[in-house]
PDB file of N, CA and C in Angstrom:
ATOM      1  N   UNK A   1      17.601  15.758 -21.131  1.00  0.00           N
ATOM      2  CA  UNK A   1      18.851  14.929 -21.305  1.00  0.00           C
ATOM      3  C   UNK A   1      19.572  14.976 -19.811  1.00  0.00           C
ATOM      4  N   UNK A   2      20.112  13.824 -19.268  1.00  0.00           N
ATOM      5  CA  UNK A   2      20.846  13.837 -18.266  1.00  0.00           C
ATOM      6  C   UNK A   2      22.173  13.075 -18.541  1.00  0.00           C
ATOM      7  N   UNK A   3      23.108  13.658 -17.906  1.00  0.00           N
ATOM      8  CA  UNK A   3      24.594  12.881 -18.125  1.00  0.00           C
ATOM      9  C   UNK A   3      24.729  12.230 -16.538  1.00  0.00           C
ATOM     10  N   UNK A   4      25.206  10.838 -16.716  1.00  0.00           N
ATOM     11  CA  UNK A   4      25.455  10.158 -15.595  1.00  0.00           C
ATOM     12  C   UNK A   4      27.054   9.734 -15.482  1.00  0.00           C
ATOM     13  N   UNK A   5      27.557  10.066 -14.242  1.00  0.00           N
ATOM     14  CA  UNK A   5      28.882   9.563 -14.124  1.00  0.00           C
ATOM     15  C   UNK A   5      29.074   9.231 -12.712  1.00  0.00           C
ATOM     16  N   UNK A   6      29.905   8.248 -12.323  1.00  0.00           N
ATOM     17  CA  UNK A   6      30.235   7.861 -10.971  1.00  0.00           C
ATOM     18  C   UNK A   6      30.914   6.714 -10.837  1.00  0.00           C
ATOM     19  N   UNK A   7      31.118   6.087  -9.388  1.00  0.00           N
ATOM     20  CA  UNK A   7      32.003   4.878  -9.349  1.00  0.00           C
ATOM     21  C   UNK A   7      30.967   3.561  -9.479  1.00  0.00           C
ATOM     22  N   UNK A   8      31.438   2.313  -9.662  1.00  0.00           N
ATOM     23  CA  UNK A   8      30.639   1.288 -10.163  1.00  0.00           C
ATOM     24  C   UNK A   8      31.166   0.244  -9.241  1.00  0.00           C
ATOM     25  N   UNK A   9      30.327  -0.803  -8.668  1.00  0.00           N
ATOM     26  CA  UNK A   9      30.935  -1.862  -7.937  1.00  0.00           C
ATOM     27  C   UNK A   9      30.324  -2.930  -8.396  1.00  0.00           C
ATOM     28  N   UNK A  10      31.089  -4.160  -8.754  1.00  0.00           N
ATOM     29  CA  UNK A  10      30.493  -5.305  -9.196  1.00  0.00           C
ATOM     30  C   UNK A  10      30.748  -6.437  -8.466  1.00  0.00           C
ATOM     31  N   UNK A  11      29.558  -7.298  -8.196  1.00  0.00           N
ATOM     32  CA  UNK A  11      29.893  -8.512  -7.327  1.00  0.00           C
ATOM     33  C   UNK A  11      29.549  -9.810  -8.319  1.00  0.00           C
ATOM     34  N   UNK A  12      30.284 -10.581  -8.014  1.00  0.00           N
ATOM     35  CA  UNK A  12      29.874 -11.896  -8.765  1.00  0.00           C
ATOM     36  C   UNK A  12      28.963 -12.662  -7.684  1.00  0.00           C
ATOM     37  N   UNK A  13      27.542 -12.989  -8.154  1.00  0.00           N
ATOM     38  CA  UNK A  13      26.680 -13.364  -7.434  1.00  0.00           C
ATOM     39  C   UNK A  13      26.607 -14.974  -7.558  1.00  0.00           C
ATOM     40  N   UNK A  14      26.876 -15.199  -9.009  1.00  0.00           N
ATOM     41  CA  UNK A  14      26.550 -16.736  -9.174  1.00  0.00           C
ATOM     42  C   UNK A  14      27.560 -16.847 -10.587  1.00  0.00           C
ATOM     43  N   UNK A  15      27.826 -18.279 -10.719  1.00  0.00           N
ATOM     44  CA  UNK A  15      28.565 -18.246 -12.137  1.00  0.00           C
ATOM     45  C   UNK A  15      28.350 -19.609 -12.874  1.00  0.00           C
ATOM     46  N   UNK A  16      28.091 -19.702 -14.054  1.00  0.00           N
ATOM     47  CA  UNK A  16      27.744 -21.015 -14.821  1.00  0.00           C
ATOM     48  C   UNK A  16      28.526 -20.947 -16.292  1.00  0.00           C
ATOM     49  N   UNK A  17      28.983 -21.955 -16.442  1.00  0.00           N
ATOM     50  CA  UNK A  17      29.555 -22.361 -17.899  1.00  0.00           C
ATOM     51  C   UNK A  17      28.556 -23.255 -18.530  1.00  0.00           C
ATOM     52  N   UNK A  18      28.796 -22.981 -20.077  1.00  0.00           N
ATOM     53  CA  UNK A  18      28.094 -23.801 -20.912  1.00  0.00           C
ATOM     54  C   UNK A  18      28.961 -24.244 -22.038  1.00  0.00           C
ATOM     55  N   UNK A  19      29.156 -25.360 -22.409  1.00  0.00           N
ATOM     56  CA  UNK A  19      30.067 -25.927 -23.323  1.00  0.00           C
ATOM     57  C   UNK A  19      29.360 -26.617 -24.471  1.00  0.00           C
ATOM     58  N   UNK A  20      29.215 -26.019 -25.795  1.00  0.00           N
ATOM     59  CA  UNK A  20      28.472 -26.678 -26.835  1.00  0.00           C
ATOM     60  C   UNK A  20      29.454 -27.366 -27.774  1.00  0.00           C
ATOM     61  N   UNK A  21      29.296 -28.565 -28.063  1.00  0.00           N
ATOM     62  CA  UNK A  21      30.323 -29.274 -29.064  1.00  0.00           C
ATOM     63  C   UNK A  21      29.477 -30.585 -29.572  1.00  0.00           C
ATOM     64  N   UNK A  22      29.551 -30.640 -30.889  1.00  0.00           N
ATOM     65  CA  UNK A  22      29.178 -31.771 -31.650  1.00  0.00           C
ATOM     66  C   UNK A  22      27.702 -32.066 -31.503  1.00  0.00           C
ATOM     67  N   UNK A  23      26.734 -31.090 -31.478  1.00  0.00           N
ATOM     68  CA  UNK A  23      25.497 -31.134 -31.281  1.00  0.00           C
ATOM     69  C   UNK A  23      24.851 -31.259 -29.636  1.00  0.00           C
ATOM     70  N   UNK A  24      25.978 -31.389 -28.709  1.00  0.00           N
ATOM     71  CA  UNK A  24      25.612 -31.465 -27.483  1.00  0.00           C
ATOM     72  C   UNK A  24      25.893 -30.387 -26.632  1.00  0.00           C
ATOM     73  N   UNK A  25      25.352 -30.083 -25.564  1.00  0.00           N
ATOM     74  CA  UNK A  25      25.643 -29.018 -24.560  1.00  0.00           C
ATOM     75  C   UNK A  25      25.806 -29.600 -23.057  1.00  0.00           C
ATOM     76  N   UNK A  26      26.687 -28.762 -22.527  1.00  0.00           N
ATOM     77  CA  UNK A  26      27.071 -29.243 -21.086  1.00  0.00           C
ATOM     78  C   UNK A  26      27.321 -28.024 -20.330  1.00  0.00           C
ATOM     79  N   UNK A  27      26.452 -27.962 -19.124  1.00  0.00           N
ATOM     80  CA  UNK A  27      26.183 -26.888 -18.355  1.00  0.00           C
ATOM     81  C   UNK A  27      26.750 -27.298 -16.988  1.00  0.00           C
ATOM     82  N   UNK A  28      27.551 -26.677 -16.316  1.00  0.00           N
ATOM     83  CA  UNK A  28      28.169 -26.707 -14.956  1.00  0.00           C
ATOM     84  C   UNK A  28      28.260 -25.560 -14.037  1.00  0.00           C
ATOM     85  N   UNK A  29      28.262 -25.383 -12.921  1.00  0.00           N
ATOM     86  CA  UNK A  29      28.698 -24.361 -12.023  1.00  0.00           C
ATOM     87  C   UNK A  29      30.091 -24.207 -12.050  1.00  0.00           C
ATOM     88  N   UNK A  30      30.608 -22.947 -11.889  1.00  0.00           N
ATOM     89  CA  UNK A  30      32.019 -22.694 -11.716  1.00  0.00           C
ATOM     90  C   UNK A  30      32.548 -23.027 -10.559  1.00  0.00           C
ATOM     91  N   UNK A  31      33.913 -23.248 -10.553  1.00  0.00           N
ATOM     92  CA  UNK A  31      34.621 -23.715  -9.307  1.00  0.00           C
ATOM     93  C   UNK A  31      34.398 -22.383  -8.522  1.00  0.00           C
ATOM     94  N   UNK A  32      34.474 -22.732  -7.237  1.00  0.00           N
ATOM     95  CA  UNK A  32      34.466 -21.400  -6.212  1.00  0.00           C
ATOM     96  C   UNK A  32      36.057 -20.869  -6.025  1.00  0.00           C
ATOM     97  N   UNK A  33      36.965 -21.616  -6.548  1.00  0.00           N
ATOM     98  CA  UNK A  33      38.320 -21.038  -6.533  1.00  0.00           C
ATOM     99  C   UNK A  33      38.984 -21.052  -8.050  1.00  0.00           C
ATOM    100  N   UNK A  34      38.400 -20.271  -8.907  1.00  0.00           N
ATOM    101  CA  UNK A  34      38.709 -20.377 -10.390  1.00  0.00           C
ATOM    102  C   UNK A  34      39.902 -19.417 -10.676  1.00  0.00           C
ATOM    103  N   UNK A  35      40.559 -18.814  -9.609  1.00  0.00           N
ATOM    104  CA  UNK A  35      41.638 -17.840  -9.866  1.00  0.00           C
ATOM    105  C   UNK A  35      41.036 -16.508 -10.168  1.00  0.00           C
ATOM    106  N   UNK A  36      39.679 -16.198 -10.109  1.00  0.00           N
ATOM    107  CA  UNK A  36      39.470 -14.767 -10.529  1.00  0.00           C
ATOM    108  C   UNK A  36      38.657 -14.006  -9.286  1.00  0.00           C
ATOM    109  N   UNK A  37      39.025 -12.734  -9.179  1.00  0.00           N
ATOM    110  CA  UNK A  37      38.266 -12.066  -7.972  1.00  0.00           C
ATOM    111  C   UNK A  37      36.881 -11.926  -8.187  1.00  0.00           C
ATOM    112  N   UNK A  38      36.018 -11.784  -7.099  1.00  0.00           N
ATOM    113  CA  UNK A  38      34.663 -11.965  -7.161  1.00  0.00           C
ATOM    114  C   UNK A  38      33.971 -10.538  -7.047  1.00  0.00           C
ATOM    115  N   UNK A  39      34.812  -9.506  -6.844  1.00  0.00           N
ATOM    116  CA  UNK A  39      34.543  -8.166  -6.516  1.00  0.00           C
ATOM    117  C   UNK A  39      35.433  -7.232  -7.630  1.00  0.00           C
ATOM    118  N   UNK A  40      34.713  -6.339  -8.122  1.00  0.00           N
ATOM    119  CA  UNK A  40      35.340  -5.263  -9.094  1.00  0.00           C
ATOM    120  C   UNK A  40      34.895  -3.664  -8.753  1.00  0.00           C
ATOM    121  N   UNK A  41      35.880  -3.006  -8.939  1.00  0.00           N
ATOM    122  CA  UNK A  41      35.677  -1.538  -8.838  1.00  0.00           C
ATOM    123  C   UNK A  41      35.721  -0.791 -10.149  1.00  0.00           C
ATOM    124  N   UNK A  42      34.892   0.174 -10.563  1.00  0.00           N
ATOM    125  CA  UNK A  42      35.006   0.616 -11.899  1.00  0.00           C
ATOM    126  C   UNK A  42      34.440   2.144 -11.902  1.00  0.00           C
ATOM    127  N   UNK A  43      34.396   2.652 -13.188  1.00  0.00           N
ATOM    128  CA  UNK A  43      33.806   3.944 -13.403  1.00  0.00           C
ATOM    129  C   UNK A  43      32.723   3.844 -14.352  1.00  0.00           C
ATOM    130  N   UNK A  44      31.783   4.551 -14.323  1.00  0.00           N
ATOM    131  CA  UNK A  44      30.440   4.391 -15.250  1.00  0.00           C
ATOM    132  C   UNK A  44      30.189   5.996 -15.739  1.00  0.00           C
ATOM    133  N   UNK A  45      29.835   5.755 -16.734  1.00  0.00           N
ATOM    134  CA  UNK A  45      29.170   7.191 -17.564  1.00  0.00           C
ATOM    135  C   UNK A  45      28.319   7.020 -18.572  1.00  0.00           C
ATOM    136  N   UNK A  46      27.325   7.831 -18.862  1.00  0.00           N
ATOM    137  CA  UNK A  46      26.593   7.501 -19.903  1.00  0.00           C
ATOM    138  C   UNK A  46      25.427   8.701 -19.980  1.00  0.00           C
ATOM    139  N   UNK A  47      24.452   8.472 -20.722  1.00  0.00           N
ATOM    140  CA  UNK A  47      23.527   9.501 -20.978  1.00  0.00           C
ATOM    141  C   UNK A  47      22.174   9.010 -20.886  1.00  0.00           C
ATOM    142  N   UNK A  48      21.163   9.705 -20.468  1.00  0.00           N
ATOM    143  CA  UNK A  48      19.919   9.269 -20.285  1.00  0.00           C
ATOM    144  C   UNK A  48      18.795  10.416 -20.903  1.00  0.00           C
ATOM    145  N   UNK A  49      17.951  10.031 -21.906  1.00  0.00           N
ATOM    146  CA  UNK A  49      17.070  10.933 -22.473  1.00  0.00           C
ATOM    147  C   UNK A  49      15.615  10.685 -22.065  1.00  0.00           C
ATOM    148  N   UNK A  50      14.839  11.799 -21.451  1.00  0.00           N
ATOM    149  CA  UNK A  50      13.455  11.620 -21.164  1.00  0.00           C
ATOM    150  C   UNK A  50      12.478  12.188 -22.222  1.00  0.00           C
ATOM    151  N   UNK A  51      11.579  11.652 -22.810  1.00  0.00           N
ATOM    152  CA  UNK A  51      10.559  12.301 -23.662  1.00  0.00           C
ATOM    153  C   UNK A  51       9.371  12.270 -23.154  1.00  0.00           C
ATOM    154  N   UNK A  52       8.673  13.292 -22.845  1.00  0.00           N
ATOM    155  CA  UNK A  52       7.387  13.355 -22.097  1.00  0.00           C
ATOM    156  C   UNK A  52       6.158  12.878 -23.148  1.00  0.00           C
ATOM    157  N   UNK A  53       5.381  12.078 -22.403  1.00  0.00           N
ATOM    158  CA  UNK A  53       4.477  11.631 -23.202  1.00  0.00           C
ATOM    159  C   UNK A  53       2.906  12.539 -22.734  1.00  0.00           C
ATOM    160  N   UNK A  54       3.108  12.786 -21.423  1.00  0.00           N
ATOM    161  CA  UNK A  54       2.153  13.801 -21.034  1.00  0.00           C
ATOM    162  C   UNK A  54       2.790  14.453 -19.564  1.00  0.00           C
ATOM    163  N   UNK A  55       2.096  15.440 -19.022  1.00  0.00           N
ATOM    164  CA  UNK A  55       2.510  16.194 -17.857  1.00  0.00           C
ATOM    165  C   UNK A  55       3.289  15.378 -16.950  1.00  0.00           C
ATOM    166  N   UNK A  56       2.889  14.231 -16.586  1.00  0.00           N
ATOM    167  CA  UNK A  56       3.542  13.273 -15.441  1.00  0.00           C
ATOM    168  C   UNK A  56       4.152  11.948 -16.150  1.00  0.00           C
ATOM    169  N   UNK A  57       3.993  11.687 -17.117  1.00  0.00           N
ATOM    170  CA  UNK A  57       4.505  10.459 -17.657  1.00  0.00           C
ATOM    171  C   UNK A  57       5.395  10.553 -18.735  1.00  0.00           C
ATOM    172  N   UNK A  58       6.641   9.856 -18.896  1.00  0.00           N
ATOM    173  CA  UNK A  58       7.571  10.073 -20.034  1.00  0.00           C
ATOM    174  C   UNK A  58       8.084   8.661 -20.204  1.00  0.00           C
ATOM    175  N   UNK A  59       8.954   8.557 -21.250  1.00  0.00           N
ATOM    176  CA  UNK A  59       9.612   7.490 -21.703  1.00  0.00           C
ATOM    177  C   UNK A  59      11.155   7.860 -21.637  1.00  0.00           C
ATOM    178  N   UNK A  60      11.960   6.918 -21.028  1.00  0.00           N
ATOM    179  CA  UNK A  60      13.337   7.067 -20.907  1.00  0.00           C
ATOM    180  C   UNK A  60      14.114   6.212 -21.736  1.00  0.00           C
ATOM    181  N   UNK A  61      15.143   6.796 -22.380  1.00  0.00           N
ATOM    182  CA  UNK A  61      15.922   5.758 -23.150  1.00  0.00           C
ATOM    183  C   UNK A  61      17.529   6.303 -22.757  1.00  0.00           C
ATOM    184  N   UNK A  62      18.343   5.150 -22.363  1.00  0.00           N
ATOM    185  CA  UNK A  62      19.607   5.604 -21.937  1.00  0.00           C
ATOM    186  C   UNK A  62      20.649   4.551 -22.150  1.00  0.00           C
ATOM    187  N   UNK A  63      21.909   5.016 -22.317  1.00  0.00           N
ATOM    188  CA  UNK A  63      23.077   4.105 -22.154  1.00  0.00           C
ATOM    189  C   UNK A  63      24.027   4.451 -21.214  1.00  0.00           C
ATOM    190  N   UNK A  64      24.835   3.279 -20.726  1.00  0.00           N
ATOM    191  CA  UNK A  64      25.569   3.548 -19.683  1.00  0.00           C
ATOM    192  C   UNK A  64      26.761   2.310 -19.781  1.00  0.00           C
ATOM    193  N   UNK A  65      28.051   3.114 -19.929  1.00  0.00           N
ATOM    194  CA  UNK A  65      29.274   2.347 -20.272  1.00  0.00           C
ATOM    195  C   UNK A  65      30.160   2.221 -18.982  1.00  0.00           C
ATOM    196  N   UNK A  66      30.539   0.977 -18.539  1.00  0.00           N
ATOM    197  CA  UNK A  66      31.194   0.755 -17.142  1.00  0.00           C
ATOM    198  C   UNK A  66      32.596   0.300 -17.785  1.00  0.00           C
ATOM    199  N   UNK A  67      33.494   0.792 -17.165  1.00  0.00           N
ATOM    200  CA  UNK A  67      34.972   0.489 -17.297  1.00  0.00           C
ATOM    201  C   UNK A  67      35.488  -0.116 -15.961  1.00  0.00           C
ATOM    202  N   UNK A  68      35.933  -1.516 -15.922  1.00  0.00           N
ATOM    203  CA  UNK A  68      36.287  -2.079 -14.626  1.00  0.00           C
ATOM    204  C   UNK A  68      38.029  -1.595 -14.415  1.00  0.00           C
ATOM    205  N   UNK A  69      38.293  -1.356 -13.321  1.00  0.00           N
ATOM    206  CA  UNK A  69      39.538  -0.803 -13.049  1.00  0.00           C
ATOM    207  C   UNK A  69      40.690  -1.901 -12.611  1.00  0.00           C
ATOM    208  N   UNK A  70      40.081  -3.005 -11.741  1.00  0.00           N
ATOM    209  CA  UNK A  70      40.645  -3.872 -11.230  1.00  0.00           C
ATOM    210  C   UNK A  70      41.072  -5.033 -12.218  1.00  0.00           C
ATOM    211  N   UNK A  71      42.274  -5.673 -11.764  1.00  0.00           N
ATOM    212  CA  UNK A  71      42.645  -6.986 -12.525  1.00  0.00           C
ATOM    213  C   UNK A  71      41.974  -7.968 -12.120  1.00  0.00           C
ATOM    214  N   UNK A  72      41.095  -8.810 -12.707  1.00  0.00           N
ATOM    215  CA  UNK A  72      40.160  -9.688 -11.976  1.00  0.00           C
ATOM    216  C   UNK A  72      40.929 -11.204 -11.991  1.00  0.00           C
ATOM    217  N   UNK A  73      42.059 -11.176 -12.451  1.00  0.00           N
ATOM    218  CA  UNK A  73      42.869 -12.532 -12.463  1.00  0.00           C
ATOM    219  C   UNK A  73      43.680 -12.431 -11.366  1.00  0.00           C
ATOM    220  N   UNK A  74      43.417 -13.216 -10.307  1.00  0.00           N
ATOM    221  CA  UNK A  74      44.190 -13.059  -8.989  1.00  0.00           C
ATOM    222  C   UNK A  74      45.825 -13.397  -9.285  1.00  0.00           C
ATOM    223  N   UNK A  75      45.999 -14.516 -10.155  1.00  0.00           N
ATOM    224  CA  UNK A  75      47.305 -14.803 -10.359  1.00  0.00           C
ATOM    225  C   UNK A  75      47.878 -14.449 -11.641  1.00  0.00           C
ATOM    226  N   UNK A  76      47.561 -13.048 -12.140  1.00  0.00           N
ATOM    227  CA  UNK A  76      48.036 -12.727 -13.530  1.00  0.00           C
ATOM    228  C   UNK A  76      49.532 -12.303 -13.558  1.00  0.00           C
ATOM    229  N   UNK A  77      50.114 -12.785 -14.587  1.00  0.00           N
ATOM    230  CA  UNK A  77      51.377 -12.247 -14.919  1.00  0.00           C
ATOM    231  C   UNK A  77      51.527 -10.966 -15.349  1.00  0.00           C
ATOM    232  N   UNK A  78      52.667 -10.433 -15.936  1.00  0.00           N
ATOM    233  CA  UNK A  78      52.723  -9.150 -16.403  1.00  0.00           C
ATOM    234  C   UNK A  78      52.216  -9.085 -17.873  1.00  0.00           C
ATOM    235  N   UNK A  79      52.162 -10.319 -18.508  1.00  0.00           N
ATOM    236  CA  UNK A  79      51.704 -10.186 -19.744  1.00  0.00           C
ATOM    237  C   UNK A  79      50.201 -10.119 -20.090  1.00  0.00           C
ATOM    238  N   UNK A  80      49.275 -10.212 -19.016  1.00  0.00           N
ATOM    239  CA  UNK A  80      47.971 -10.104 -19.405  1.00  0.00           C
ATOM    240  C   UNK A  80      47.309  -9.452 -18.237  1.00  0.00           C
ATOM    241  N   UNK A  81      45.959  -9.328 -18.644  1.00  0.00           N
ATOM    242  CA  UNK A  81      44.869  -8.870 -17.559  1.00  0.00           C
ATOM    243  C   UNK A  81      43.420  -9.229 -17.809  1.00  0.00           C
ATOM    244  N   UNK A  82      42.740  -9.346 -16.916  1.00  0.00           N
ATOM    245  CA  UNK A  82      41.204  -9.643 -17.229  1.00  0.00           C
ATOM    246  C   UNK A  82      40.491  -8.639 -16.658  1.00  0.00           C
ATOM    247  N   UNK A  83      39.998  -7.679 -17.386  1.00  0.00           N
ATOM    248  CA  UNK A  83      39.040  -6.634 -16.862  1.00  0.00           C
ATOM    249  C   UNK A  83      37.689  -6.351 -17.504  1.00  0.00           C
ATOM    250  N   UNK A  84      36.626  -5.994 -16.868  1.00  0.00           N
ATOM    251  CA  UNK A  84      35.445  -5.830 -17.343  1.00  0.00           C
ATOM    252  C   UNK A  84      35.157  -4.680 -17.941  1.00  0.00           C
ATOM    253  N   UNK A  85      34.340  -4.647 -19.205  1.00  0.00           N
ATOM    254  CA  UNK A  85      33.894  -3.619 -19.798  1.00  0.00           C
ATOM    255  C   UNK A  85      32.375  -4.065 -20.335  1.00  0.00           C
ATOM    256  N   UNK A  86      31.370  -3.117 -20.113  1.00  0.00           N
ATOM    257  CA  UNK A  86      30.044  -3.247 -19.858  1.00  0.00           C
ATOM    258  C   UNK A  86      29.383  -2.158 -20.682  1.00  0.00           C
ATOM    259  N   UNK A  87      28.550  -2.529 -21.503  1.00  0.00           N
ATOM    260  CA  UNK A  87      27.792  -1.266 -22.179  1.00  0.00           C
ATOM    261  C   UNK A  87      26.262  -1.967 -21.851  1.00  0.00           C
ATOM    262  N   UNK A  88      25.552  -0.923 -21.083  1.00  0.00           N
ATOM    263  CA  UNK A  88      24.055  -1.080 -20.761  1.00  0.00           C
ATOM    264  C   UNK A  88      23.234  -0.255 -21.503  1.00  0.00           C
ATOM    265  N   UNK A  89      22.246  -0.640 -22.284  1.00  0.00           N
ATOM    266  CA  UNK A  89      21.176   0.057 -22.940  1.00  0.00           C
ATOM    267  C   UNK A  89      19.928  -0.190 -22.298  1.00  0.00           C
ATOM    268  N   UNK A  90      19.089   0.818 -21.888  1.00  0.00           N
ATOM    269  CA  UNK A  90      17.747   0.844 -21.242  1.00  0.00           C
ATOM    270  C   UNK A  90      16.944   1.666 -21.823  1.00  0.00           C
ATOM    271  N   UNK A  91      15.482   1.055 -21.618  1.00  0.00           N
ATOM    272  CA  UNK A  91      14.337   1.845 -21.932  1.00  0.00           C
ATOM    273  C   UNK A  91      13.311   1.728 -21.003  1.00  0.00           C
ATOM    274  N   UNK A  92      12.761   2.710 -20.438  1.00  0.00           N
ATOM    275  CA  UNK A  92      11.737   2.638 -19.375  1.00  0.00           C
ATOM    276  C   UNK A  92      10.653   3.674 -19.260  1.00  0.00           C
ATOM    277  N   UNK A  93       9.786   3.704 -18.420  1.00  0.00           N
ATOM    278  CA  UNK A  93       8.615   4.368 -18.334  1.00  0.00           C
ATOM    279  C   UNK A  93       8.802   5.309 -17.104  1.00  0.00           C
ATOM    280  N   UNK A  94       8.661   6.546 -17.196  1.00  0.00           N
ATOM    281  CA  UNK A  94       8.934   7.607 -15.962  1.00  0.00           C
ATOM    282  C   UNK A  94       7.604   7.982 -15.630  1.00  0.00           C
ATOM    283  N   UNK A  95       7.239   8.082 -14.274  1.00  0.00           N
ATOM    284  CA  UNK A  95       6.094   8.626 -13.742  1.00  0.00           C
ATOM    285  C   UNK A  95       6.443   9.631 -12.573  1.00  0.00           C
ATOM    286  N   UNK A  96       5.889  10.759 -12.626  1.00  0.00           N
ATOM    287  CA  UNK A  96       6.170  11.810 -11.812  1.00  0.00           C
ATOM    288  C   UNK A  96       5.232  11.492 -10.443  1.00  0.00           C
ATOM    289  N   UNK A  97       5.868  11.514  -9.239  1.00  0.00           N
ATOM    290  CA  UNK A  97       5.107  11.556  -8.170  1.00  0.00           C
ATOM    291  C   UNK A  97       4.886  12.611  -7.578  1.00  0.00           C
ATOM    292  N   UNK A  98       3.807  13.495  -7.153  1.00  0.00           N
ATOM    293  CA  UNK A  98       3.509  14.549  -6.846  1.00  0.00           C
ATOM    294  C   UNK A  98       2.538  14.506  -5.601  1.00  0.00           C
TER     295      UNK A  98
END
């Protein structure tokens, strides 16, 4: 078992919105100046388990929670904020290189 903890950096690489109404759907790219920051700093923590299948091969299962620290709303007033909260679940195959 491994414990994971450290800083997190989030960057907005692209943005797309989809609006569904009355049986139809409309997709559009976000405006470049939509009033939100495109960079966030946060803290991440989680756990990873490794189960060996053989001496060199194993399966990993993990969970990581990321808490955004910055208010992403550039023009936010005192009444509200926009922050990121992310839960990441993962399954992988680990192979020891020797």
